[in-house]
Structures are given as C-alpha cells and as structure tokens.
Amino acid sequence: MKFIVETKGFTLIETLVAINLSFIGLTFVVSFYLFVLKFTQTISEHNTNLFIYQNFFFELEKCIECSDAFRIESHPQYALLSTTNSDTLIIYKDSLILNGILKLSDIDGCIASIFNYNIDSPIQLSGNNSSYESHHFTASSKEIRSIHFQIKTTQQFFSYEIFVRAFSANRFIDLVKEE
C-alpha cells in the first residue's frame, strides 16, 4: 500500500502563527493611530486655548493703550482695573472679565502684577492667597512700565506681559531739548 502525501496548503500551526503575527501588526497600527490622534487633539486644544488667551490679551492691550490713566482697586476676592475710557478688567481667582463681555474662565490660578518705574518690586493685584489687604490707588500710564499676568490652568501655564505705551513719544520728552 502506498500513501499519498500532498504538500499543498498550510498546516494548522502555520495558520495560527500567521494569524497571531497579523494581530500583532494590526495592534501596532491601531496603537500608532490612537497615539497620533491623541497627539493632534492635544496640540489642537493647546492652540485653541492659546488663540483664546492671545485674543483676550490683545483686546486688553488695545483698551490700555487708548487710555491715559488707570484706577486700580484690589479687594480680597477680586481686583478691578478701570481706565479713563470706561474700560474695566475684573480679575477673579478663577476668571478674567474684560468690559463684561470677553471672559477667560476655567482658571486654576491667576496672578496679576504691576511693574512701576519708581518701585523695584512689583505691586501684586491678585494672587492665589486672599490674605492681602484691600487697597485703592490711581496710577498714571506714565508711571506703569508693564502689567504682568500669570495664568495657570489644569493643563497649561500662560504668562503674558503688557507693556504700557512702550513706544510712546511721551517717554522721550526729557531727551529732546528745545533751543
């Protein structure tokens, strides 16, 4: 009796090895796709937040540049910056409101400081601790060098500094001598 052995096709072990290798390859491809998807979503959220913050501070900078003087009131719960043009900025611990319309919310912490030409240390308007006392003062735009904001959210940290009339001709009045 003669046995006929056909060598066509795959054995069961070869088929199982091929299936396992294809699942490993498919797992790698899906993992890479999910990684790229999460990375692009994170970058997109970061850019969206950055655009919102930059737009807010651009509008605030326009309001400050158009005014001649500021009135700054600091209270335990909030700080208020009002200009001569009736623009107001309310700084809470968890939000910033400009003229009652533009708003930055979902903030974990906001520190606003004013840098004065005459004083070396900054004047802190608001911060994470509510232990500072209430004080009211008026500052001229010629006295203030810049207003610095540090905003912390759950995912990001933003720092923005507004230079008050940095290129104004009024800053160079003393340099020009009349003959």
N, C-alpha and C. Protein backbone atom coordinates (compact mmCIF):
# COMPACT_ATOMS: atom_id res chain seq x y z
N MET A 1 0.83 -1.14 0.00
CA MET A 1 0.00 0.00 0.00
C MET A 1 0.89 1.23 0.00
N LYS A 2 0.50 2.14 -0.77
CA LYS A 2 1.27 3.35 -0.97
C LYS A 2 0.48 4.54 -0.42
N PHE A 3 1.13 5.33 0.46
CA PHE A 3 0.46 6.54 1.00
C PHE A 3 0.80 7.73 0.10
N ILE A 4 -0.21 8.50 -0.17
CA ILE A 4 0.00 9.70 -0.98
C ILE A 4 -0.01 10.90 -0.03
N VAL A 5 1.07 11.61 0.00
CA VAL A 5 1.18 12.79 0.86
C VAL A 5 1.14 14.03 -0.04
N GLU A 6 0.15 14.84 0.22
CA GLU A 6 0.05 16.08 -0.56
C GLU A 6 0.65 17.21 0.26
N THR A 7 1.46 18.00 -0.33
CA THR A 7 2.13 19.10 0.37
C THR A 7 1.53 20.45 -0.02
N LYS A 8 0.32 20.44 -0.46
CA LYS A 8 -0.34 21.70 -0.81
C LYS A 8 -1.03 22.25 0.43
N GLY A 9 -0.98 23.61 0.62
CA GLY A 9 -1.68 24.24 1.74
C GLY A 9 -0.78 24.44 2.95
N PHE A 10 -1.39 24.97 4.02
CA PHE A 10 -0.67 25.26 5.26
C PHE A 10 -1.14 24.31 6.35
N THR A 11 -0.25 24.09 7.27
CA THR A 11 -0.64 23.29 8.42
C THR A 11 -1.36 24.19 9.41
N LEU A 12 -1.97 23.59 10.42
CA LEU A 12 -2.71 24.34 11.43
C LEU A 12 -1.77 25.27 12.21
N ILE A 13 -0.59 24.84 12.53
CA ILE A 13 0.36 25.65 13.29
C ILE A 13 0.81 26.84 12.46
N GLU A 14 1.06 26.65 11.19
CA GLU A 14 1.45 27.76 10.32
C GLU A 14 0.33 28.79 10.21
N THR A 15 -0.89 28.35 10.15
CA THR A 15 -2.03 29.27 10.07
C THR A 15 -2.18 30.07 11.36
N LEU A 16 -2.04 29.40 12.53
CA LEU A 16 -2.14 30.10 13.80
C LEU A 16 -1.02 31.12 13.97
N VAL A 17 0.20 30.78 13.57
CA VAL A 17 1.32 31.72 13.64
C VAL A 17 1.05 32.94 12.74
N ALA A 18 0.53 32.72 11.57
CA ALA A 18 0.23 33.82 10.65
C ALA A 18 -0.86 34.73 11.23
N ILE A 19 -1.88 34.14 11.84
CA ILE A 19 -2.95 34.93 12.45
C ILE A 19 -2.41 35.76 13.62
N ASN A 20 -1.58 35.16 14.46
CA ASN A 20 -1.00 35.89 15.59
C ASN A 20 -0.11 37.04 15.12
N LEU A 21 0.70 36.81 14.11
CA LEU A 21 1.55 37.88 13.59
C LEU A 21 0.72 39.01 12.98
N SER A 22 -0.36 38.66 12.32
CA SER A 22 -1.20 39.71 11.74
C SER A 22 -1.90 40.51 12.84
N PHE A 23 -2.30 39.86 13.95
CA PHE A 23 -2.89 40.60 15.06
C PHE A 23 -1.87 41.50 15.75
N ILE A 24 -0.63 41.05 15.85
CA ILE A 24 0.42 41.90 16.43
C ILE A 24 0.65 43.12 15.54
N GLY A 25 0.70 42.91 14.25
CA GLY A 25 0.86 44.03 13.31
C GLY A 25 -0.33 44.99 13.36
N LEU A 26 -1.54 44.44 13.41
CA LEU A 26 -2.75 45.25 13.49
C LEU A 26 -2.79 46.05 14.80
N THR A 27 -2.36 45.43 15.91
CA THR A 27 -2.30 46.12 17.20
C THR A 27 -1.32 47.28 17.14
N PHE A 28 -0.18 47.09 16.50
CA PHE A 28 0.80 48.15 16.35
C PHE A 28 0.23 49.31 15.53
N VAL A 29 -0.45 49.00 14.44
CA VAL A 29 -1.02 50.04 13.57
C VAL A 29 -2.10 50.82 14.32
N VAL A 30 -2.99 50.14 15.04
CA VAL A 30 -4.06 50.81 15.79
C VAL A 30 -3.47 51.65 16.92
N SER A 31 -2.46 51.13 17.62
CA SER A 31 -1.82 51.89 18.69
C SER A 31 -1.17 53.16 18.15
N PHE A 32 -0.50 53.05 17.04
CA PHE A 32 0.13 54.21 16.43
C PHE A 32 -0.92 55.23 16.00
N TYR A 33 -2.02 54.77 15.42
CA TYR A 33 -3.11 55.65 15.00
C TYR A 33 -3.70 56.39 16.21
N LEU A 34 -3.96 55.67 17.31
CA LEU A 34 -4.52 56.30 18.51
C LEU A 34 -3.54 57.30 19.12
N PHE A 35 -2.24 56.99 19.10
CA PHE A 35 -1.23 57.90 19.59
C PHE A 35 -1.23 59.19 18.77
N VAL A 36 -1.24 59.08 17.45
CA VAL A 36 -1.24 60.26 16.58
C VAL A 36 -2.53 61.06 16.78
N LEU A 37 -3.66 60.38 16.93
CA LEU A 37 -4.93 61.06 17.14
C LEU A 37 -4.93 61.85 18.45
N LYS A 38 -4.46 61.23 19.53
CA LYS A 38 -4.41 61.93 20.82
C LYS A 38 -3.42 63.09 20.78
N PHE A 39 -2.29 62.91 20.12
CA PHE A 39 -1.29 63.96 20.00
C PHE A 39 -1.84 65.16 19.24
N THR A 40 -2.53 64.91 18.12
CA THR A 40 -3.10 66.02 17.35
C THR A 40 -4.23 66.72 18.11
N GLN A 41 -5.01 65.98 18.88
CA GLN A 41 -6.07 66.61 19.68
C GLN A 41 -5.46 67.49 20.78
N THR A 42 -4.39 67.03 21.40
CA THR A 42 -3.73 67.82 22.44
C THR A 42 -3.15 69.10 21.85
N ILE A 43 -2.49 68.99 20.72
CA ILE A 43 -1.92 70.17 20.06
C ILE A 43 -3.04 71.11 19.63
N SER A 44 -4.13 70.58 19.12
CA SER A 44 -5.26 71.40 18.70
C SER A 44 -5.88 72.15 19.89
N GLU A 45 -6.07 71.47 21.02
CA GLU A 45 -6.60 72.12 22.21
C GLU A 45 -5.65 73.21 22.71
N HIS A 46 -4.36 72.90 22.70
CA HIS A 46 -3.37 73.89 23.13
C HIS A 46 -3.42 75.13 22.24
N ASN A 47 -3.47 74.94 20.93
CA ASN A 47 -3.51 76.07 20.01
C ASN A 47 -4.80 76.85 20.14
N THR A 48 -5.93 76.17 20.37
CA THR A 48 -7.20 76.85 20.57
C THR A 48 -7.16 77.70 21.83
N ASN A 49 -6.66 77.13 22.93
CA ASN A 49 -6.54 77.90 24.17
C ASN A 49 -5.59 79.07 23.99
N LEU A 50 -4.49 78.85 23.31
CA LEU A 50 -3.53 79.92 23.08
C LEU A 50 -4.16 81.05 22.27
N PHE A 51 -4.96 80.70 21.26
CA PHE A 51 -5.64 81.71 20.46
C PHE A 51 -6.64 82.50 21.31
N ILE A 52 -7.38 81.82 22.16
CA ILE A 52 -8.37 82.50 23.02
C ILE A 52 -7.66 83.46 23.98
N TYR A 53 -6.57 83.01 24.59
CA TYR A 53 -5.83 83.86 25.53
C TYR A 53 -5.19 85.04 24.80
N GLN A 54 -4.60 84.79 23.65
CA GLN A 54 -3.97 85.88 22.91
C GLN A 54 -5.00 86.91 22.46
N ASN A 55 -6.18 86.45 22.04
CA ASN A 55 -7.24 87.36 21.64
C ASN A 55 -7.68 88.22 22.82
N PHE A 56 -7.84 87.60 23.99
CA PHE A 56 -8.24 88.33 25.19
C PHE A 56 -7.21 89.40 25.54
N PHE A 57 -5.94 89.04 25.57
CA PHE A 57 -4.91 89.99 25.95
C PHE A 57 -4.67 91.05 24.88
N PHE A 58 -4.93 90.72 23.62
CA PHE A 58 -4.85 91.72 22.55
C PHE A 58 -5.91 92.79 22.76
N GLU A 59 -7.14 92.38 23.08
CA GLU A 59 -8.22 93.33 23.36
C GLU A 59 -7.90 94.16 24.60
N LEU A 60 -7.36 93.52 25.63
CA LEU A 60 -6.99 94.24 26.84
C LEU A 60 -5.89 95.25 26.54
N GLU A 61 -4.93 94.86 25.74
CA GLU A 61 -3.83 95.75 25.39
C GLU A 61 -4.34 96.96 24.60
N LYS A 62 -5.30 96.76 23.72
CA LYS A 62 -5.90 97.88 22.98
C LYS A 62 -6.60 98.84 23.93
N CYS A 63 -7.32 98.31 24.92
CA CYS A 63 -8.01 99.17 25.89
C CYS A 63 -7.03 99.98 26.71
N ILE A 64 -5.93 99.37 27.12
CA ILE A 64 -4.94 100.05 27.95
C ILE A 64 -4.17 101.10 27.14
N GLU A 65 -3.86 100.80 25.89
CA GLU A 65 -3.12 101.75 25.06
C GLU A 65 -3.91 103.02 24.78
N CYS A 66 -5.23 102.91 24.71
CA CYS A 66 -6.07 104.06 24.38
C CYS A 66 -6.36 104.95 25.58
N SER A 67 -5.99 104.53 26.76
CA SER A 67 -6.33 105.31 27.96
C SER A 67 -5.12 106.09 28.45
N ASP A 68 -5.42 107.13 29.23
CA ASP A 68 -4.36 107.97 29.78
C ASP A 68 -3.98 107.60 31.20
N ALA A 69 -4.94 107.06 31.95
CA ALA A 69 -4.67 106.72 33.34
C ALA A 69 -5.52 105.52 33.74
N PHE A 70 -5.12 104.88 34.82
CA PHE A 70 -5.83 103.71 35.33
C PHE A 70 -6.24 103.95 36.77
N ARG A 71 -7.30 103.33 37.15
CA ARG A 71 -7.66 103.26 38.57
C ARG A 71 -7.65 101.79 38.91
N ILE A 72 -6.88 101.44 39.91
CA ILE A 72 -6.71 100.05 40.28
C ILE A 72 -7.21 99.87 41.69
N GLU A 73 -8.14 98.96 41.86
CA GLU A 73 -8.68 98.65 43.18
C GLU A 73 -8.45 97.17 43.43
N SER A 74 -7.86 96.87 44.55
CA SER A 74 -7.58 95.48 44.89
C SER A 74 -8.38 95.11 46.13
N HIS A 75 -9.18 94.09 46.02
CA HIS A 75 -10.03 93.59 47.10
C HIS A 75 -9.63 92.15 47.41
N PRO A 76 -10.05 91.59 48.54
CA PRO A 76 -9.68 90.21 48.85
C PRO A 76 -10.22 89.19 47.84
N GLN A 77 -11.36 89.44 47.23
CA GLN A 77 -11.95 88.47 46.31
C GLN A 77 -11.64 88.75 44.84
N TYR A 78 -11.33 90.00 44.51
CA TYR A 78 -11.09 90.36 43.11
C TYR A 78 -10.24 91.62 43.04
N ALA A 79 -9.78 91.91 41.85
CA ALA A 79 -9.08 93.17 41.58
C ALA A 79 -9.77 93.82 40.38
N LEU A 80 -9.83 95.13 40.39
CA LEU A 80 -10.52 95.88 39.35
C LEU A 80 -9.55 96.88 38.76
N LEU A 81 -9.39 96.84 37.45
CA LEU A 81 -8.57 97.81 36.73
C LEU A 81 -9.51 98.55 35.80
N SER A 82 -9.68 99.84 36.03
CA SER A 82 -10.55 100.64 35.16
C SER A 82 -9.73 101.76 34.54
N THR A 83 -10.06 102.09 33.30
CA THR A 83 -9.33 103.10 32.56
C THR A 83 -10.18 104.35 32.43
N THR A 84 -9.56 105.41 31.94
CA THR A 84 -10.29 106.67 31.74
C THR A 84 -11.30 106.56 30.60
N ASN A 85 -11.19 105.56 29.76
CA ASN A 85 -12.13 105.35 28.66
C ASN A 85 -13.28 104.42 29.05
N SER A 86 -13.49 104.22 30.33
CA SER A 86 -14.56 103.37 30.88
C SER A 86 -14.39 101.90 30.53
N ASP A 87 -13.19 101.46 30.26
CA ASP A 87 -12.91 100.03 30.08
C ASP A 87 -12.58 99.45 31.45
N THR A 88 -13.10 98.27 31.72
CA THR A 88 -12.83 97.64 33.02
C THR A 88 -12.35 96.21 32.83
N LEU A 89 -11.44 95.83 33.69
CA LEU A 89 -10.96 94.46 33.76
C LEU A 89 -11.17 94.00 35.19
N ILE A 90 -11.94 92.94 35.36
CA ILE A 90 -12.16 92.36 36.68
C ILE A 90 -11.37 91.06 36.74
N ILE A 91 -10.50 90.96 37.74
CA ILE A 91 -9.64 89.80 37.89
C ILE A 91 -10.10 89.03 39.12
N TYR A 92 -10.69 87.87 38.88
CA TYR A 92 -11.04 86.95 39.95
C TYR A 92 -9.97 85.88 40.02
N LYS A 93 -10.05 85.01 41.02
CA LYS A 93 -9.07 83.93 41.13
C LYS A 93 -9.25 82.88 40.03
N ASP A 94 -10.48 82.75 39.52
CA ASP A 94 -10.73 81.71 38.53
C ASP A 94 -11.22 82.24 37.19
N SER A 95 -11.23 83.56 36.99
CA SER A 95 -11.66 84.10 35.70
C SER A 95 -11.21 85.55 35.55
N LEU A 96 -11.17 85.99 34.30
CA LEU A 96 -10.87 87.37 33.93
C LEU A 96 -12.01 87.87 33.05
N ILE A 97 -12.53 89.05 33.35
CA ILE A 97 -13.65 89.59 32.59
C ILE A 97 -13.25 90.98 32.11
N LEU A 98 -13.31 91.20 30.80
CA LEU A 98 -12.99 92.49 30.20
C LEU A 98 -14.25 93.12 29.66
N ASN A 99 -14.62 94.27 30.19
CA ASN A 99 -15.80 95.03 29.77
C ASN A 99 -17.08 94.21 29.84
N GLY A 100 -17.14 93.24 30.69
CA GLY A 100 -18.33 92.43 30.86
C GLY A 100 -18.61 91.47 29.73
N ILE A 101 -17.75 91.43 28.71
CA ILE A 101 -18.02 90.59 27.54
C ILE A 101 -16.97 89.49 27.40
N LEU A 102 -15.75 89.89 27.15
CA LEU A 102 -14.68 88.90 26.96
C LEU A 102 -14.36 88.26 28.29
N LYS A 103 -14.27 86.96 28.30
CA LYS A 103 -14.08 86.27 29.57
C LYS A 103 -13.14 85.08 29.38
N LEU A 104 -12.21 84.95 30.32
CA LEU A 104 -11.38 83.76 30.42
C LEU A 104 -11.82 83.05 31.68
N SER A 105 -12.25 81.81 31.54
CA SER A 105 -12.70 81.07 32.71
C SER A 105 -11.94 79.75 32.79
N ASP A 106 -12.32 78.93 33.74
CA ASP A 106 -11.65 77.65 33.98
C ASP A 106 -10.17 77.84 34.29
N ILE A 107 -9.89 78.84 35.10
CA ILE A 107 -8.52 79.14 35.51
C ILE A 107 -8.31 78.59 36.91
N ASP A 108 -7.22 77.88 37.12
CA ASP A 108 -6.91 77.37 38.45
C ASP A 108 -6.27 78.44 39.33
N GLY A 109 -5.54 79.36 38.71
CA GLY A 109 -4.90 80.42 39.47
C GLY A 109 -4.48 81.55 38.55
N CYS A 110 -4.64 82.77 39.02
CA CYS A 110 -4.25 83.94 38.24
C CYS A 110 -3.50 84.90 39.15
N ILE A 111 -2.32 85.29 38.72
CA ILE A 111 -1.54 86.28 39.45
C ILE A 111 -1.34 87.47 38.52
N ALA A 112 -1.81 88.63 38.93
CA ALA A 112 -1.65 89.85 38.16
C ALA A 112 -0.77 90.80 38.95
N SER A 113 0.27 91.31 38.31
CA SER A 113 1.22 92.21 38.97
C SER A 113 1.46 93.43 38.10
N ILE A 114 1.70 94.56 38.75
CA ILE A 114 2.04 95.80 38.06
C ILE A 114 3.49 96.14 38.36
N PHE A 115 4.23 96.44 37.31
CA PHE A 115 5.61 96.86 37.45
C PHE A 115 5.65 98.37 37.24
N ASN A 116 6.12 99.08 38.25
CA ASN A 116 6.15 100.53 38.26
C ASN A 116 7.57 100.98 37.98
N TYR A 117 7.72 102.15 37.36
CA TYR A 117 9.06 102.69 37.10
C TYR A 117 9.77 103.11 38.38
N ASN A 118 9.01 103.57 39.36
CA ASN A 118 9.61 104.11 40.58
C ASN A 118 9.89 103.06 41.64
N ILE A 119 9.20 101.93 41.60
CA ILE A 119 9.33 100.90 42.63
C ILE A 119 9.98 99.67 42.02
N ASP A 120 10.97 99.10 42.70
CA ASP A 120 11.68 97.94 42.16
C ASP A 120 10.83 96.67 42.19
N SER A 121 10.08 96.45 43.26
CA SER A 121 9.29 95.23 43.35
C SER A 121 7.91 95.46 42.74
N PRO A 122 7.34 94.43 42.17
CA PRO A 122 6.01 94.60 41.55
C PRO A 122 4.91 94.74 42.59
N ILE A 123 3.83 95.40 42.20
CA ILE A 123 2.64 95.52 43.04
C ILE A 123 1.70 94.40 42.61
N GLN A 124 1.39 93.50 43.53
CA GLN A 124 0.56 92.36 43.18
C GLN A 124 -0.92 92.73 43.33
N LEU A 125 -1.65 92.63 42.22
CA LEU A 125 -3.08 92.94 42.24
C LEU A 125 -3.89 91.78 42.77
N SER A 126 -3.57 90.60 42.29
CA SER A 126 -4.33 89.42 42.71
C SER A 126 -3.39 88.24 42.73
N GLY A 127 -3.80 87.23 43.45
CA GLY A 127 -2.98 86.03 43.55
C GLY A 127 -3.78 84.89 44.12
N ASN A 128 -3.11 83.82 44.39
CA ASN A 128 -3.80 82.64 44.92
C ASN A 128 -4.19 82.81 46.38
N ASN A 129 -3.44 83.60 47.16
CA ASN A 129 -3.81 83.80 48.56
C ASN A 129 -4.72 85.01 48.66
N SER A 130 -5.70 84.91 49.50
CA SER A 130 -6.62 86.02 49.69
C SER A 130 -6.31 86.77 50.97
N SER A 131 -5.08 86.68 51.46
CA SER A 131 -4.75 87.28 52.74
C SER A 131 -4.28 88.72 52.63
N TYR A 132 -4.07 89.24 51.41
CA TYR A 132 -3.61 90.61 51.32
C TYR A 132 -4.77 91.57 51.56
N GLU A 133 -4.41 92.76 52.01
CA GLU A 133 -5.42 93.73 52.40
C GLU A 133 -5.97 94.46 51.17
N SER A 134 -7.16 95.03 51.35
CA SER A 134 -7.74 95.84 50.29
C SER A 134 -7.00 97.17 50.22
N HIS A 135 -6.72 97.63 49.01
CA HIS A 135 -6.14 98.94 48.85
C HIS A 135 -6.59 99.53 47.52
N HIS A 136 -6.69 100.83 47.49
CA HIS A 136 -7.11 101.55 46.30
C HIS A 136 -6.03 102.56 45.95
N PHE A 137 -5.70 102.64 44.70
CA PHE A 137 -4.76 103.65 44.28
C PHE A 137 -4.97 103.94 42.80
N THR A 138 -4.58 105.11 42.39
CA THR A 138 -4.67 105.52 40.99
C THR A 138 -3.26 105.62 40.46
N ALA A 139 -3.07 105.08 39.28
CA ALA A 139 -1.74 105.11 38.68
C ALA A 139 -1.84 105.70 37.28
N SER A 140 -0.92 106.55 36.96
CA SER A 140 -0.85 107.14 35.64
C SER A 140 -0.18 106.15 34.70
N SER A 141 -0.54 106.22 33.43
CA SER A 141 0.08 105.30 32.47
C SER A 141 1.56 105.59 32.28
N LYS A 142 2.00 106.80 32.64
CA LYS A 142 3.43 107.13 32.54
C LYS A 142 4.23 106.50 33.67
N GLU A 143 3.58 106.16 34.79
CA GLU A 143 4.27 105.56 35.93
C GLU A 143 4.41 104.05 35.80
N ILE A 144 3.50 103.41 35.07
CA ILE A 144 3.48 101.95 34.99
C ILE A 144 4.29 101.50 33.78
N ARG A 145 5.22 100.62 34.04
CA ARG A 145 6.02 100.05 32.96
C ARG A 145 5.28 98.92 32.27
N SER A 146 4.70 98.00 33.08
CA SER A 146 4.01 96.85 32.48
C SER A 146 3.06 96.22 33.48
N ILE A 147 2.14 95.46 32.94
CA ILE A 147 1.22 94.66 33.73
C ILE A 147 1.47 93.21 33.34
N HIS A 148 1.75 92.39 34.33
CA HIS A 148 2.14 91.00 34.06
C HIS A 148 1.07 90.05 34.60
N PHE A 149 0.65 89.09 33.75
CA PHE A 149 -0.35 88.09 34.13
C PHE A 149 0.29 86.71 34.07
N GLN A 150 0.05 85.92 35.09
CA GLN A 150 0.44 84.51 35.10
C GLN A 150 -0.82 83.71 35.35
N ILE A 151 -1.20 82.91 34.36
CA ILE A 151 -2.45 82.16 34.44
C ILE A 151 -2.12 80.68 34.38
N LYS A 152 -2.64 79.94 35.34
CA LYS A 152 -2.42 78.50 35.38
C LYS A 152 -3.75 77.79 35.21
N THR A 153 -3.79 76.87 34.26
CA THR A 153 -4.94 76.00 34.08
C THR A 153 -4.51 74.59 34.43
N THR A 154 -5.43 73.65 34.34
CA THR A 154 -5.09 72.27 34.69
C THR A 154 -4.05 71.69 33.74
N GLN A 155 -4.04 72.15 32.50
CA GLN A 155 -3.14 71.56 31.52
C GLN A 155 -1.98 72.46 31.12
N GLN A 156 -2.14 73.78 31.28
CA GLN A 156 -1.15 74.69 30.73
C GLN A 156 -0.85 75.83 31.70
N PHE A 157 0.22 76.55 31.38
CA PHE A 157 0.62 77.73 32.13
C PHE A 157 0.86 78.85 31.12
N PHE A 158 0.16 79.97 31.28
CA PHE A 158 0.31 81.10 30.39
C PHE A 158 0.91 82.26 31.16
N SER A 159 1.81 82.97 30.51
CA SER A 159 2.40 84.16 31.09
C SER A 159 2.34 85.24 30.01
N TYR A 160 1.79 86.39 30.37
CA TYR A 160 1.65 87.46 29.38
C TYR A 160 1.95 88.78 30.06
N GLU A 161 2.71 89.62 29.38
CA GLU A 161 3.07 90.92 29.93
C GLU A 161 2.69 92.00 28.93
N ILE A 162 1.93 92.97 29.42
CA ILE A 162 1.51 94.09 28.59
C ILE A 162 2.39 95.28 28.96
N PHE A 163 3.13 95.78 27.98
CA PHE A 163 3.95 96.96 28.21
C PHE A 163 3.10 98.18 27.88
N VAL A 164 2.95 99.04 28.83
CA VAL A 164 2.07 100.19 28.69
C VAL A 164 2.78 101.28 27.91
N ARG A 165 2.27 101.55 26.74
CA ARG A 165 2.82 102.57 25.85
C ARG A 165 4.33 102.47 25.73
N ALA A 166 4.78 101.32 25.34
CA ALA A 166 6.22 101.07 25.28
C ALA A 166 6.92 101.96 24.26
N PHE A 167 6.20 102.37 23.20
CA PHE A 167 6.84 103.17 22.15
C PHE A 167 6.26 104.58 22.09
N SER A 168 5.70 105.03 23.17
CA SER A 168 5.09 106.34 23.20
C SER A 168 6.15 107.43 23.17
N ALA A 169 5.84 108.50 22.46
CA ALA A 169 6.76 109.63 22.39
C ALA A 169 6.85 110.36 23.72
N ASN A 170 5.83 110.22 24.56
CA ASN A 170 5.83 110.89 25.86
C ASN A 170 6.95 110.38 26.76
N ARG A 171 7.44 109.20 26.53
CA ARG A 171 8.52 108.66 27.36
C ARG A 171 9.85 109.35 27.07
N PHE A 172 9.94 110.00 25.90
CA PHE A 172 11.21 110.59 25.49
C PHE A 172 11.18 112.12 25.53
N ILE A 173 10.24 112.68 26.27
CA ILE A 173 10.13 114.14 26.35
C ILE A 173 11.40 114.75 26.91
N ASP A 174 11.99 114.14 27.92
CA ASP A 174 13.16 114.70 28.56
C ASP A 174 14.42 114.65 27.68
N LEU A 175 14.40 113.82 26.66
CA LEU A 175 15.58 113.69 25.80
C LEU A 175 15.68 114.80 24.76
N VAL A 176 14.55 115.38 24.40
CA VAL A 176 14.53 116.42 23.38
C VAL A 176 14.65 117.77 24.05
N LYS A 177 15.66 118.55 23.67
CA LYS A 177 15.86 119.88 24.24
C LYS A 177 15.47 120.92 23.21
N GLU A 178 14.68 121.85 23.66
CA GLU A 178 14.29 122.93 22.77
C GLU A 178 15.34 124.01 22.81
N GLU A 179 15.58 124.62 21.67
CA GLU A 179 16.61 125.67 21.60
C GLU A 179 15.98 127.03 21.57
